[in-house]
Amino acid sequence: VADGVRSSGATLYYDSEAGSGRRGTMYVEVDDAGLITFVQEAWEPLYKPGSLTADLLKAVTANFEKEDKEPTYAPRKPKGASDTVRYLWEEANPGGAELDVALDLFADDILYEDFNFEEPFVGREAVDGFLREFDFPGIEFVPERVSEGKDACAFTWRVLIGGEEGPKGVSFYSVKQGKVDFIRDIPAPAIKPPPLATLAAVLQPKLRVFKPRT
């Protein structure tokens, strides 16, 4: 559970007699009276495409080239979970920071759950490989609502793919001894038609039919 006051979040799961079920993440805001004014949840999808997601994104953004420009952000050491999220996604990433800037803020034993994949990524080396698989031009990760929280925070986000609206979701970060030790990323419930398929049809018309690799 995040330690924010006016805005917070939590990781959660369905519990039943059969045992623990689908996992989720929640972002919440309250007013001065402590009444909930906004909630957004995201739940573990039943289908997890894994690296097929990266393959599709690479195909959709194949015509985009990485810009060679000087970084425009001011490097600093963030304080706490919420500040880390804002530094990474509102300052460093849009300011042209290399991936290593984020990795330097991750604990050696970080546990990263991305629910496009069946298994979590454990340790900074594994997370490095995962993040580099998705590190290509044409993708912009945009935070929307970032909760308070020094030890942990939740935030909502959306992804722009070639300037077009893509997936949305909710994430949770926790920090221990100044390093991010846990991340959970979950895309919001699927929109019909699926956003990536729709974007593929717009940006790359040849990519209208997708089949699993055999």
N, C-alpha and C. Protein backbone atom coordinates (compact mmCIF):
# COMPACT_ATOMS: atom_id res chain seq x y z
N VAL A 1 0.84 -1.18 0.00
CA VAL A 1 0.00 0.00 0.00
C VAL A 1 0.88 1.24 0.00
N ALA A 2 0.58 2.20 -0.89
CA ALA A 2 1.34 3.44 -0.93
C ALA A 2 1.02 4.29 0.29
N ASP A 3 1.96 5.15 0.70
CA ASP A 3 1.81 5.94 1.92
C ASP A 3 1.39 7.38 1.65
N GLY A 4 0.66 7.62 0.55
CA GLY A 4 0.13 8.95 0.28
C GLY A 4 -1.06 9.27 1.17
N VAL A 5 -1.40 10.56 1.27
CA VAL A 5 -2.52 11.01 2.10
C VAL A 5 -3.72 11.38 1.24
N ARG A 6 -3.55 12.33 0.33
CA ARG A 6 -4.65 12.74 -0.54
C ARG A 6 -4.75 11.88 -1.80
N SER A 7 -3.69 11.22 -2.14
CA SER A 7 -3.69 10.29 -3.28
C SER A 7 -2.79 9.12 -2.92
N SER A 8 -3.20 7.93 -3.32
CA SER A 8 -2.46 6.74 -2.91
C SER A 8 -2.76 5.61 -3.88
N GLY A 9 -2.40 4.41 -3.50
CA GLY A 9 -2.65 3.25 -4.35
C GLY A 9 -2.22 1.98 -3.65
N ALA A 10 -2.44 0.86 -4.31
CA ALA A 10 -2.11 -0.43 -3.70
C ALA A 10 -2.04 -1.51 -4.76
N THR A 11 -1.31 -2.56 -4.45
CA THR A 11 -1.40 -3.78 -5.24
C THR A 11 -2.38 -4.70 -4.51
N LEU A 12 -3.12 -5.51 -5.26
CA LEU A 12 -4.15 -6.33 -4.66
C LEU A 12 -4.37 -7.59 -5.49
N TYR A 13 -5.15 -8.50 -4.96
CA TYR A 13 -5.48 -9.73 -5.68
C TYR A 13 -6.82 -10.25 -5.20
N TYR A 14 -7.48 -11.00 -6.10
CA TYR A 14 -8.72 -11.67 -5.72
C TYR A 14 -8.38 -12.86 -4.83
N ASP A 15 -9.15 -13.04 -3.76
CA ASP A 15 -8.93 -14.15 -2.84
C ASP A 15 -10.20 -14.98 -2.78
N SER A 16 -10.06 -16.29 -2.83
CA SER A 16 -11.22 -17.17 -2.77
C SER A 16 -10.82 -18.47 -2.10
N GLU A 17 -11.78 -19.37 -1.95
CA GLU A 17 -11.48 -20.66 -1.33
C GLU A 17 -10.49 -21.45 -2.17
N ALA A 18 -10.45 -21.14 -3.46
CA ALA A 18 -9.54 -21.86 -4.35
C ALA A 18 -8.12 -21.31 -4.27
N GLY A 19 -7.96 -20.20 -3.53
CA GLY A 19 -6.64 -19.60 -3.40
C GLY A 19 -6.57 -18.25 -4.07
N SER A 20 -5.40 -17.68 -4.10
CA SER A 20 -5.21 -16.35 -4.68
C SER A 20 -5.43 -16.39 -6.18
N GLY A 21 -6.12 -15.38 -6.68
CA GLY A 21 -6.42 -15.34 -8.10
C GLY A 21 -5.74 -14.19 -8.80
N ARG A 22 -6.45 -13.53 -9.71
CA ARG A 22 -5.88 -12.46 -10.51
C ARG A 22 -5.38 -11.31 -9.64
N ARG A 23 -4.26 -10.74 -10.06
CA ARG A 23 -3.65 -9.63 -9.33
C ARG A 23 -4.01 -8.31 -9.99
N GLY A 24 -3.95 -7.24 -9.21
CA GLY A 24 -4.31 -5.95 -9.74
C GLY A 24 -3.53 -4.82 -9.09
N THR A 25 -3.80 -3.61 -9.57
CA THR A 25 -3.22 -2.39 -9.02
C THR A 25 -4.31 -1.32 -9.02
N MET A 26 -4.33 -0.49 -7.98
CA MET A 26 -5.36 0.53 -7.86
C MET A 26 -4.72 1.88 -7.54
N TYR A 27 -5.26 2.92 -8.17
CA TYR A 27 -4.90 4.30 -7.87
C TYR A 27 -6.14 4.98 -7.31
N VAL A 28 -6.00 5.81 -6.25
CA VAL A 28 -7.17 6.44 -5.63
C VAL A 28 -6.83 7.85 -5.14
N GLU A 29 -7.82 8.75 -5.24
CA GLU A 29 -7.71 10.11 -4.70
C GLU A 29 -8.89 10.38 -3.77
N VAL A 30 -8.65 11.20 -2.71
CA VAL A 30 -9.72 11.57 -1.78
C VAL A 30 -9.75 13.09 -1.62
N ASP A 31 -10.89 13.59 -1.15
CA ASP A 31 -11.01 15.04 -0.93
C ASP A 31 -10.69 15.39 0.52
N ASP A 32 -10.94 16.64 0.89
CA ASP A 32 -10.62 17.10 2.25
C ASP A 32 -11.38 16.34 3.32
N ALA A 33 -12.56 15.81 2.96
CA ALA A 33 -13.37 15.07 3.92
C ALA A 33 -13.02 13.59 3.96
N GLY A 34 -12.04 13.19 3.17
CA GLY A 34 -11.65 11.78 3.14
C GLY A 34 -12.51 10.93 2.24
N LEU A 35 -13.36 11.56 1.42
CA LEU A 35 -14.23 10.82 0.51
C LEU A 35 -13.50 10.58 -0.82
N ILE A 36 -13.69 9.41 -1.35
CA ILE A 36 -13.02 9.04 -2.60
C ILE A 36 -13.61 9.84 -3.76
N THR A 37 -12.73 10.47 -4.53
CA THR A 37 -13.17 11.27 -5.67
C THR A 37 -12.75 10.67 -7.00
N PHE A 38 -11.76 9.79 -6.98
CA PHE A 38 -11.30 9.17 -8.22
C PHE A 38 -10.66 7.83 -7.92
N VAL A 39 -10.99 6.83 -8.74
CA VAL A 39 -10.37 5.50 -8.62
C VAL A 39 -10.11 4.96 -10.03
N GLN A 40 -8.96 4.39 -10.22
CA GLN A 40 -8.69 3.65 -11.45
C GLN A 40 -8.00 2.35 -11.09
N GLU A 41 -8.53 1.25 -11.61
CA GLU A 41 -7.97 -0.07 -11.35
C GLU A 41 -7.50 -0.70 -12.66
N ALA A 42 -6.56 -1.60 -12.54
CA ALA A 42 -6.13 -2.42 -13.67
C ALA A 42 -5.90 -3.82 -13.13
N TRP A 43 -6.35 -4.83 -13.89
CA TRP A 43 -6.26 -6.21 -13.42
C TRP A 43 -5.46 -7.06 -14.39
N GLU A 44 -4.84 -8.06 -13.85
CA GLU A 44 -4.01 -8.99 -14.61
C GLU A 44 -4.80 -9.57 -15.77
N PRO A 45 -4.30 -9.43 -17.00
CA PRO A 45 -5.02 -9.97 -18.16
C PRO A 45 -4.93 -11.50 -18.20
N LEU A 46 -5.92 -12.11 -18.81
CA LEU A 46 -5.91 -13.57 -18.95
C LEU A 46 -4.91 -14.01 -20.01
N TYR A 47 -4.77 -13.20 -21.05
CA TYR A 47 -3.83 -13.51 -22.12
C TYR A 47 -2.61 -12.61 -22.02
N LYS A 48 -1.44 -13.21 -22.01
CA LYS A 48 -0.20 -12.46 -21.88
C LYS A 48 0.68 -12.73 -23.10
N PRO A 49 0.75 -11.75 -24.01
CA PRO A 49 1.46 -11.97 -25.28
C PRO A 49 2.97 -12.02 -25.18
N GLY A 50 3.54 -11.55 -24.05
CA GLY A 50 4.99 -11.59 -23.90
C GLY A 50 5.70 -10.74 -24.94
N SER A 51 6.76 -11.30 -25.53
CA SER A 51 7.58 -10.54 -26.48
C SER A 51 6.85 -10.22 -27.78
N LEU A 52 5.70 -10.84 -28.04
CA LEU A 52 4.92 -10.48 -29.22
C LEU A 52 4.51 -9.01 -29.18
N THR A 53 4.32 -8.47 -27.95
CA THR A 53 3.99 -7.05 -27.82
C THR A 53 5.11 -6.18 -28.38
N ALA A 54 6.35 -6.50 -28.02
CA ALA A 54 7.49 -5.74 -28.54
C ALA A 54 7.61 -5.90 -30.04
N ASP A 55 7.37 -7.11 -30.56
CA ASP A 55 7.45 -7.34 -32.00
C ASP A 55 6.44 -6.47 -32.75
N LEU A 56 5.22 -6.39 -32.22
CA LEU A 56 4.19 -5.59 -32.85
C LEU A 56 4.54 -4.10 -32.80
N LEU A 57 5.00 -3.63 -31.65
CA LEU A 57 5.35 -2.23 -31.52
C LEU A 57 6.50 -1.84 -32.46
N LYS A 58 7.47 -2.73 -32.60
CA LYS A 58 8.57 -2.46 -33.52
C LYS A 58 8.07 -2.35 -34.95
N ALA A 59 7.12 -3.22 -35.32
CA ALA A 59 6.57 -3.17 -36.67
C ALA A 59 5.78 -1.90 -36.90
N VAL A 60 4.98 -1.51 -35.90
CA VAL A 60 4.15 -0.32 -36.02
C VAL A 60 5.00 0.94 -36.14
N THR A 61 6.14 0.97 -35.43
CA THR A 61 6.99 2.16 -35.41
C THR A 61 8.22 2.03 -36.30
N ALA A 62 8.16 1.13 -37.27
CA ALA A 62 9.33 0.84 -38.10
C ALA A 62 9.84 2.06 -38.86
N ASN A 63 8.97 3.01 -39.16
CA ASN A 63 9.38 4.17 -39.95
C ASN A 63 9.91 5.32 -39.10
N PHE A 64 9.96 5.14 -37.79
CA PHE A 64 10.44 6.20 -36.91
C PHE A 64 11.93 6.01 -36.64
N GLU A 65 12.65 7.12 -36.59
CA GLU A 65 14.08 7.08 -36.31
C GLU A 65 14.37 7.80 -35.00
N LYS A 66 15.35 7.29 -34.27
CA LYS A 66 15.73 7.90 -33.00
C LYS A 66 16.41 9.23 -33.25
N GLU A 67 15.95 10.27 -32.55
CA GLU A 67 16.52 11.59 -32.71
C GLU A 67 17.85 11.68 -31.96
N ASP A 68 18.83 12.26 -32.63
CA ASP A 68 20.14 12.46 -32.01
C ASP A 68 20.21 13.89 -31.49
N LYS A 69 19.91 14.05 -30.21
CA LYS A 69 19.89 15.39 -29.64
C LYS A 69 20.47 15.38 -28.23
N GLU A 70 20.90 16.52 -27.78
CA GLU A 70 21.47 16.65 -26.45
C GLU A 70 20.36 16.57 -25.40
N PRO A 71 20.63 15.90 -24.27
CA PRO A 71 19.63 15.83 -23.19
C PRO A 71 19.27 17.22 -22.68
N THR A 72 18.01 17.40 -22.34
CA THR A 72 17.55 18.71 -21.86
C THR A 72 17.11 18.69 -20.40
N TYR A 73 17.26 17.55 -19.73
CA TYR A 73 16.84 17.46 -18.33
C TYR A 73 18.03 17.73 -17.41
N ALA A 74 17.73 18.04 -16.17
CA ALA A 74 18.77 18.28 -15.17
C ALA A 74 18.90 17.04 -14.28
N PRO A 75 19.99 16.31 -14.36
CA PRO A 75 20.16 15.12 -13.52
C PRO A 75 20.08 15.48 -12.04
N ARG A 76 19.40 14.66 -11.26
CA ARG A 76 19.29 14.87 -9.83
C ARG A 76 18.97 13.54 -9.15
N LYS A 77 19.04 13.52 -7.85
CA LYS A 77 18.74 12.32 -7.08
C LYS A 77 17.34 12.47 -6.49
N PRO A 78 16.35 11.74 -7.00
CA PRO A 78 14.99 11.88 -6.49
C PRO A 78 14.87 11.37 -5.05
N LYS A 79 13.87 11.92 -4.34
CA LYS A 79 13.65 11.57 -2.95
C LYS A 79 12.30 10.87 -2.79
N GLY A 80 12.32 9.57 -2.67
CA GLY A 80 11.09 8.82 -2.45
C GLY A 80 10.45 8.33 -3.74
N ALA A 81 9.40 7.52 -3.57
CA ALA A 81 8.77 6.84 -4.70
C ALA A 81 8.10 7.81 -5.66
N SER A 82 7.24 8.70 -5.14
CA SER A 82 6.53 9.62 -6.02
C SER A 82 7.49 10.51 -6.78
N ASP A 83 8.50 11.02 -6.11
CA ASP A 83 9.48 11.89 -6.76
C ASP A 83 10.28 11.11 -7.81
N THR A 84 10.54 9.83 -7.56
CA THR A 84 11.25 9.00 -8.53
C THR A 84 10.44 8.85 -9.81
N VAL A 85 9.14 8.59 -9.66
CA VAL A 85 8.27 8.45 -10.83
C VAL A 85 8.26 9.76 -11.63
N ARG A 86 8.10 10.87 -10.94
CA ARG A 86 8.05 12.16 -11.64
C ARG A 86 9.39 12.48 -12.30
N TYR A 87 10.47 12.18 -11.63
CA TYR A 87 11.79 12.43 -12.21
C TYR A 87 12.00 11.61 -13.49
N LEU A 88 11.67 10.31 -13.41
CA LEU A 88 11.91 9.43 -14.54
C LEU A 88 11.03 9.78 -15.74
N TRP A 89 9.73 9.97 -15.48
CA TRP A 89 8.76 10.04 -16.57
C TRP A 89 8.31 11.45 -16.93
N GLU A 90 8.60 12.45 -16.09
CA GLU A 90 8.26 13.82 -16.43
C GLU A 90 9.49 14.67 -16.74
N GLU A 91 10.66 14.20 -16.31
CA GLU A 91 11.89 14.97 -16.53
C GLU A 91 12.90 14.20 -17.39
N ALA A 92 13.42 13.11 -16.87
CA ALA A 92 14.52 12.42 -17.53
C ALA A 92 14.13 11.81 -18.87
N ASN A 93 13.09 10.99 -18.89
CA ASN A 93 12.73 10.30 -20.12
C ASN A 93 12.35 11.27 -21.24
N PRO A 94 11.44 12.23 -21.03
CA PRO A 94 11.15 13.18 -22.12
C PRO A 94 12.30 14.13 -22.41
N GLY A 95 13.25 14.23 -21.48
CA GLY A 95 14.40 15.10 -21.67
C GLY A 95 15.57 14.44 -22.36
N GLY A 96 15.35 13.22 -22.87
CA GLY A 96 16.39 12.55 -23.64
C GLY A 96 17.36 11.70 -22.85
N ALA A 97 17.00 11.28 -21.64
CA ALA A 97 17.89 10.46 -20.83
C ALA A 97 18.04 9.06 -21.42
N GLU A 98 19.21 8.49 -21.26
CA GLU A 98 19.44 7.12 -21.68
C GLU A 98 18.82 6.16 -20.66
N LEU A 99 18.60 4.92 -21.08
CA LEU A 99 17.97 3.93 -20.22
C LEU A 99 18.75 3.70 -18.93
N ASP A 100 20.06 3.86 -18.96
CA ASP A 100 20.89 3.64 -17.78
C ASP A 100 20.52 4.57 -16.63
N VAL A 101 19.93 5.74 -16.93
CA VAL A 101 19.52 6.66 -15.87
C VAL A 101 18.46 6.00 -14.99
N ALA A 102 17.51 5.31 -15.61
CA ALA A 102 16.49 4.59 -14.83
C ALA A 102 17.10 3.39 -14.11
N LEU A 103 17.93 2.64 -14.80
CA LEU A 103 18.52 1.44 -14.20
C LEU A 103 19.36 1.78 -12.97
N ASP A 104 19.99 2.93 -12.97
CA ASP A 104 20.80 3.34 -11.82
C ASP A 104 19.95 3.56 -10.57
N LEU A 105 18.64 3.77 -10.76
CA LEU A 105 17.74 3.99 -9.62
C LEU A 105 17.08 2.70 -9.15
N PHE A 106 17.38 1.58 -9.79
CA PHE A 106 16.79 0.30 -9.44
C PHE A 106 17.71 -0.49 -8.50
N ALA A 107 17.11 -1.17 -7.53
CA ALA A 107 17.87 -2.03 -6.62
C ALA A 107 18.42 -3.24 -7.37
N ASP A 108 19.50 -3.80 -6.87
CA ASP A 108 20.10 -4.99 -7.51
C ASP A 108 19.12 -6.15 -7.56
N ASP A 109 18.25 -6.26 -6.54
CA ASP A 109 17.32 -7.39 -6.46
C ASP A 109 15.89 -6.97 -6.80
N ILE A 110 15.72 -5.96 -7.64
CA ILE A 110 14.40 -5.47 -7.99
C ILE A 110 13.51 -6.58 -8.55
N LEU A 111 12.24 -6.53 -8.20
CA LEU A 111 11.23 -7.44 -8.75
C LEU A 111 10.31 -6.60 -9.63
N TYR A 112 10.28 -6.92 -10.92
CA TYR A 112 9.51 -6.13 -11.88
C TYR A 112 8.44 -7.04 -12.50
N GLU A 113 7.18 -6.71 -12.25
CA GLU A 113 6.06 -7.47 -12.81
C GLU A 113 5.43 -6.66 -13.94
N ASP A 114 5.59 -7.13 -15.16
CA ASP A 114 4.88 -6.57 -16.31
C ASP A 114 3.92 -7.66 -16.78
N PHE A 115 2.63 -7.37 -16.72
CA PHE A 115 1.64 -8.42 -16.96
C PHE A 115 1.36 -8.68 -18.43
N ASN A 116 2.26 -8.21 -19.32
CA ASN A 116 2.30 -8.76 -20.67
C ASN A 116 3.05 -10.09 -20.67
N PHE A 117 3.75 -10.38 -19.55
CA PHE A 117 4.59 -11.57 -19.45
C PHE A 117 4.11 -12.49 -18.33
N GLU A 118 4.31 -13.77 -18.51
CA GLU A 118 3.86 -14.76 -17.53
C GLU A 118 4.68 -14.68 -16.24
N GLU A 119 5.97 -14.45 -16.35
CA GLU A 119 6.85 -14.46 -15.20
C GLU A 119 7.45 -13.07 -14.96
N PRO A 120 7.70 -12.74 -13.69
CA PRO A 120 8.32 -11.44 -13.40
C PRO A 120 9.80 -11.43 -13.78
N PHE A 121 10.36 -10.23 -13.86
CA PHE A 121 11.79 -10.07 -14.10
C PHE A 121 12.44 -9.79 -12.75
N VAL A 122 13.41 -10.61 -12.39
CA VAL A 122 14.02 -10.54 -11.07
C VAL A 122 15.49 -10.13 -11.21
N GLY A 123 15.84 -9.04 -10.56
CA GLY A 123 17.21 -8.56 -10.61
C GLY A 123 17.41 -7.51 -11.70
N ARG A 124 18.35 -6.61 -11.46
CA ARG A 124 18.56 -5.49 -12.38
C ARG A 124 19.00 -5.96 -13.76
N GLU A 125 19.78 -7.02 -13.84
CA GLU A 125 20.23 -7.51 -15.14
C GLU A 125 19.06 -7.98 -15.99
N ALA A 126 18.13 -8.72 -15.38
CA ALA A 126 16.95 -9.19 -16.12
C ALA A 126 16.07 -8.02 -16.54
N VAL A 127 15.91 -7.04 -15.65
CA VAL A 127 15.10 -5.87 -15.97
C VAL A 127 15.76 -5.06 -17.10
N ASP A 128 17.06 -4.98 -17.09
CA ASP A 128 17.80 -4.29 -18.14
C ASP A 128 17.45 -4.89 -19.50
N GLY A 129 17.52 -6.20 -19.61
CA GLY A 129 17.21 -6.86 -20.87
C GLY A 129 15.77 -6.64 -21.32
N PHE A 130 14.85 -6.69 -20.37
CA PHE A 130 13.43 -6.47 -20.67
C PHE A 130 13.20 -5.05 -21.18
N LEU A 131 13.74 -4.05 -20.49
CA LEU A 131 13.51 -2.66 -20.88
C LEU A 131 14.14 -2.34 -22.25
N ARG A 132 15.29 -2.92 -22.52
CA ARG A 132 15.93 -2.64 -23.80
C ARG A 132 15.15 -3.25 -24.96
N GLU A 133 14.41 -4.30 -24.69
CA GLU A 133 13.58 -4.90 -25.73
C GLU A 133 12.50 -3.92 -26.21
N PHE A 134 12.10 -3.00 -25.31
CA PHE A 134 11.05 -2.04 -25.64
C PHE A 134 11.61 -0.63 -25.87
N ASP A 135 12.92 -0.51 -25.97
CA ASP A 135 13.55 0.80 -26.09
C ASP A 135 13.80 1.12 -27.57
N PHE A 136 12.80 1.71 -28.23
CA PHE A 136 12.95 2.10 -29.63
C PHE A 136 12.11 3.35 -29.88
N PRO A 137 12.40 4.08 -30.96
CA PRO A 137 11.72 5.37 -31.19
C PRO A 137 10.25 5.19 -31.55
N GLY A 138 9.49 6.27 -31.36
CA GLY A 138 8.07 6.25 -31.71
C GLY A 138 7.15 5.95 -30.56
N ILE A 139 7.72 5.60 -29.39
CA ILE A 139 6.93 5.26 -28.21
C ILE A 139 7.13 6.34 -27.15
N GLU A 140 6.04 6.89 -26.64
CA GLU A 140 6.12 7.90 -25.58
C GLU A 140 5.24 7.48 -24.41
N PHE A 141 5.86 7.32 -23.25
CA PHE A 141 5.16 6.91 -22.03
C PHE A 141 4.80 8.19 -21.26
N VAL A 142 3.50 8.40 -21.02
CA VAL A 142 3.04 9.65 -20.44
C VAL A 142 2.32 9.40 -19.11
N PRO A 143 2.90 9.80 -17.97
CA PRO A 143 2.18 9.68 -16.69
C PRO A 143 1.04 10.69 -16.64
N GLU A 144 -0.06 10.31 -16.01
CA GLU A 144 -1.21 11.20 -15.92
C GLU A 144 -1.48 11.63 -14.48
N ARG A 145 -1.77 10.71 -13.59
CA ARG A 145 -2.01 11.02 -12.18
C ARG A 145 -0.99 10.24 -11.36
N VAL A 146 -0.16 10.95 -10.61
CA VAL A 146 0.88 10.34 -9.79
C VAL A 146 0.53 10.56 -8.32
N SER A 147 0.43 9.48 -7.57
CA SER A 147 0.05 9.61 -6.16
C SER A 147 1.19 10.14 -5.31
N GLU A 148 0.84 10.61 -4.13
CA GLU A 148 1.84 10.91 -3.12
C GLU A 148 2.44 9.59 -2.63
N GLY A 149 3.52 9.70 -1.88
CA GLY A 149 4.10 8.51 -1.29
C GLY A 149 5.61 8.52 -1.32
N LYS A 150 6.23 8.40 -0.15
CA LYS A 150 7.68 8.34 -0.07
C LYS A 150 8.19 6.92 -0.22
N ASP A 151 7.52 5.96 0.44
CA ASP A 151 7.94 4.56 0.38
C ASP A 151 7.38 3.84 -0.83
N ALA A 152 6.20 4.26 -1.28
CA ALA A 152 5.57 3.63 -2.44
C ALA A 152 4.54 4.58 -3.03
N CYS A 153 4.25 4.41 -4.30
CA CYS A 153 3.23 5.24 -4.95
C CYS A 153 2.62 4.48 -6.11
N ALA A 154 1.44 4.93 -6.54
CA ALA A 154 0.78 4.40 -7.72
C ALA A 154 0.60 5.55 -8.70
N PHE A 155 0.48 5.22 -9.98
CA PHE A 155 0.20 6.26 -10.96
C PHE A 155 -0.47 5.67 -12.19
N THR A 156 -1.29 6.52 -12.84
CA THR A 156 -1.94 6.13 -14.08
C THR A 156 -1.12 6.67 -15.24
N TRP A 157 -1.25 6.02 -16.40
CA TRP A 157 -0.44 6.42 -17.54
C TRP A 157 -1.13 6.06 -18.85
N ARG A 158 -0.58 6.65 -19.90
CA ARG A 158 -1.00 6.29 -21.25
C ARG A 158 0.24 6.25 -22.13
N VAL A 159 0.13 5.56 -23.24
CA VAL A 159 1.25 5.43 -24.17
C VAL A 159 0.84 6.02 -25.51
N LEU A 160 1.70 6.88 -26.06
CA LEU A 160 1.51 7.39 -27.40
C LEU A 160 2.42 6.61 -28.34
N ILE A 161 1.85 6.09 -29.41
CA ILE A 161 2.61 5.31 -30.39
C ILE A 161 2.55 6.05 -31.72
N GLY A 162 3.66 6.63 -32.07
CA GLY A 162 3.67 7.45 -33.27
C GLY A 162 2.75 8.64 -33.17
N GLY A 163 2.58 9.16 -31.95
CA GLY A 163 1.71 10.30 -31.72
C GLY A 163 0.25 9.94 -31.57
N GLU A 164 -0.11 8.66 -31.77
CA GLU A 164 -1.49 8.20 -31.64
C GLU A 164 -1.70 7.56 -30.27
N GLU A 165 -2.93 7.66 -29.75
CA GLU A 165 -3.23 7.08 -28.45
C GLU A 165 -3.10 5.56 -28.48
N GLY A 166 -2.37 5.02 -27.49
CA GLY A 166 -2.19 3.59 -27.38
C GLY A 166 -2.75 3.08 -26.07
N PRO A 167 -2.13 2.07 -25.47
CA PRO A 167 -2.62 1.49 -24.22
C PRO A 167 -2.58 2.48 -23.06
N LYS A 168 -3.44 2.25 -22.09
CA LYS A 168 -3.42 2.97 -20.82
C LYS A 168 -3.26 1.95 -19.71
N GLY A 169 -2.88 2.42 -18.50
CA GLY A 169 -2.72 1.48 -17.42
C GLY A 169 -2.42 2.13 -16.09
N VAL A 170 -2.11 1.27 -15.11
CA VAL A 170 -1.79 1.70 -13.76
C VAL A 170 -0.52 0.98 -13.32
N SER A 171 0.38 1.70 -12.68
CA SER A 171 1.63 1.11 -12.18
C SER A 171 1.81 1.41 -10.70
N PHE A 172 2.64 0.62 -10.08
CA PHE A 172 2.96 0.76 -8.65
C PHE A 172 4.47 0.64 -8.49
N TYR A 173 5.08 1.59 -7.80
CA TYR A 173 6.51 1.57 -7.50
C TYR A 173 6.71 1.59 -5.99
N SER A 174 7.63 0.80 -5.50
CA SER A 174 8.05 0.92 -4.10
C SER A 174 9.55 1.14 -4.05
N VAL A 175 9.97 1.89 -3.04
CA VAL A 175 11.37 2.28 -2.89
C VAL A 175 11.88 1.87 -1.51
N LYS A 176 13.07 1.31 -1.48
CA LYS A 176 13.70 0.94 -0.22
C LYS A 176 15.15 1.38 -0.25
N GLN A 177 15.56 2.12 0.77
CA GLN A 177 16.92 2.64 0.87
C GLN A 177 17.33 3.40 -0.40
N GLY A 178 16.39 4.20 -0.90
CA GLY A 178 16.68 5.06 -2.03
C GLY A 178 16.65 4.42 -3.40
N LYS A 179 16.34 3.13 -3.48
CA LYS A 179 16.31 2.41 -4.74
C LYS A 179 14.94 1.77 -4.97
N VAL A 180 14.50 1.75 -6.22
CA VAL A 180 13.24 1.10 -6.56
C VAL A 180 13.41 -0.41 -6.46
N ASP A 181 12.65 -1.04 -5.58
CA ASP A 181 12.81 -2.49 -5.37
C ASP A 181 11.64 -3.32 -5.90
N PHE A 182 10.54 -2.63 -6.30
CA PHE A 182 9.38 -3.36 -6.83
C PHE A 182 8.62 -2.47 -7.80
N ILE A 183 8.26 -3.04 -8.95
CA ILE A 183 7.41 -2.36 -9.93
C ILE A 183 6.37 -3.35 -10.43
N ARG A 184 5.13 -2.86 -10.55
CA ARG A 184 4.08 -3.64 -11.21
C ARG A 184 3.42 -2.76 -12.25
N ASP A 185 3.45 -3.18 -13.50
CA ASP A 185 2.80 -2.48 -14.61
C ASP A 185 1.63 -3.32 -15.11
N ILE A 186 0.45 -2.71 -15.21
CA ILE A 186 -0.71 -3.42 -15.74
C ILE A 186 -1.45 -2.51 -16.71
N PRO A 187 -1.68 -2.96 -17.94
CA PRO A 187 -2.49 -2.18 -18.86
C PRO A 187 -3.95 -2.20 -18.42
N ALA A 188 -4.66 -1.11 -18.70
CA ALA A 188 -6.07 -1.02 -18.34
C ALA A 188 -6.87 -2.04 -19.15
N PRO A 189 -8.13 -2.29 -18.77
CA PRO A 189 -8.96 -3.24 -19.52
C PRO A 189 -8.96 -2.92 -21.01
N ALA A 190 -8.93 -3.98 -21.78
CA ALA A 190 -8.81 -3.83 -23.23
C ALA A 190 -9.98 -3.05 -23.83
N ILE A 191 -9.66 -2.21 -24.83
CA ILE A 191 -10.66 -1.47 -25.56
C ILE A 191 -10.95 -2.21 -26.86
N LYS A 192 -12.16 -2.24 -27.31
CA LYS A 192 -12.50 -2.87 -28.57
C LYS A 192 -12.76 -1.81 -29.62
N PRO A 193 -12.09 -1.87 -30.80
CA PRO A 193 -11.07 -2.85 -31.15
C PRO A 193 -9.79 -2.63 -30.37
N PRO A 194 -8.95 -3.68 -30.21
CA PRO A 194 -7.71 -3.54 -29.44
C PRO A 194 -6.88 -2.37 -29.94
N PRO A 195 -6.35 -1.52 -29.03
CA PRO A 195 -5.65 -0.31 -29.45
C PRO A 195 -4.44 -0.55 -30.31
N LEU A 196 -3.65 -1.58 -30.04
CA LEU A 196 -2.46 -1.81 -30.85
C LEU A 196 -2.83 -2.23 -32.26
N ALA A 197 -3.88 -3.06 -32.39
CA ALA A 197 -4.31 -3.47 -33.72
C ALA A 197 -4.83 -2.27 -34.51
N THR A 198 -5.57 -1.41 -33.84
CA THR A 198 -6.10 -0.21 -34.50
C THR A 198 -4.96 0.69 -34.96
N LEU A 199 -3.97 0.89 -34.09
CA LEU A 199 -2.83 1.73 -34.45
C LEU A 199 -2.04 1.13 -35.60
N ALA A 200 -1.90 -0.18 -35.59
CA ALA A 200 -1.17 -0.84 -36.66
C ALA A 200 -1.84 -0.58 -38.00
N ALA A 201 -3.16 -0.64 -38.02
CA ALA A 201 -3.89 -0.41 -39.26
C ALA A 201 -3.72 1.02 -39.76
N VAL A 202 -3.58 1.97 -38.83
CA VAL A 202 -3.45 3.38 -39.20
C VAL A 202 -2.02 3.69 -39.64
N LEU A 203 -1.03 3.25 -38.86
CA LEU A 203 0.36 3.63 -39.11
C LEU A 203 1.06 2.72 -40.11
N GLN A 204 0.68 1.45 -40.10
CA GLN A 204 1.27 0.49 -41.02
C GLN A 204 0.13 -0.38 -41.58
N PRO A 205 -0.56 0.06 -42.64
CA PRO A 205 -1.74 -0.65 -43.14
C PRO A 205 -1.53 -2.12 -43.45
N LYS A 206 -0.29 -2.51 -43.76
CA LYS A 206 -0.04 -3.92 -44.07
C LYS A 206 -0.16 -4.81 -42.84
N LEU A 207 -0.10 -4.17 -41.65
CA LEU A 207 -0.14 -4.96 -40.42
C LEU A 207 -1.58 -5.07 -39.90
N ARG A 208 -2.44 -5.66 -40.68
CA ARG A 208 -3.86 -5.74 -40.29
C ARG A 208 -4.21 -7.11 -39.71
N VAL A 209 -3.39 -8.10 -39.98
CA VAL A 209 -3.68 -9.44 -39.48
C VAL A 209 -2.46 -9.93 -38.71
N PHE A 210 -2.71 -10.39 -37.47
CA PHE A 210 -1.62 -10.85 -36.62
C PHE A 210 -1.83 -12.31 -36.25
N LYS A 211 -0.77 -13.08 -36.36
CA LYS A 211 -0.84 -14.48 -36.00
C LYS A 211 0.33 -14.79 -35.06
N PRO A 212 0.14 -15.69 -34.09
CA PRO A 212 1.25 -16.06 -33.20
C PRO A 212 2.38 -16.70 -34.00
N ARG A 213 3.61 -16.47 -33.55
CA ARG A 213 4.72 -17.12 -34.19
C ARG A 213 4.67 -18.63 -33.92
N THR A 214 5.06 -19.43 -34.89
CA THR A 214 5.05 -20.89 -34.71
C THR A 214 6.47 -21.40 -34.69
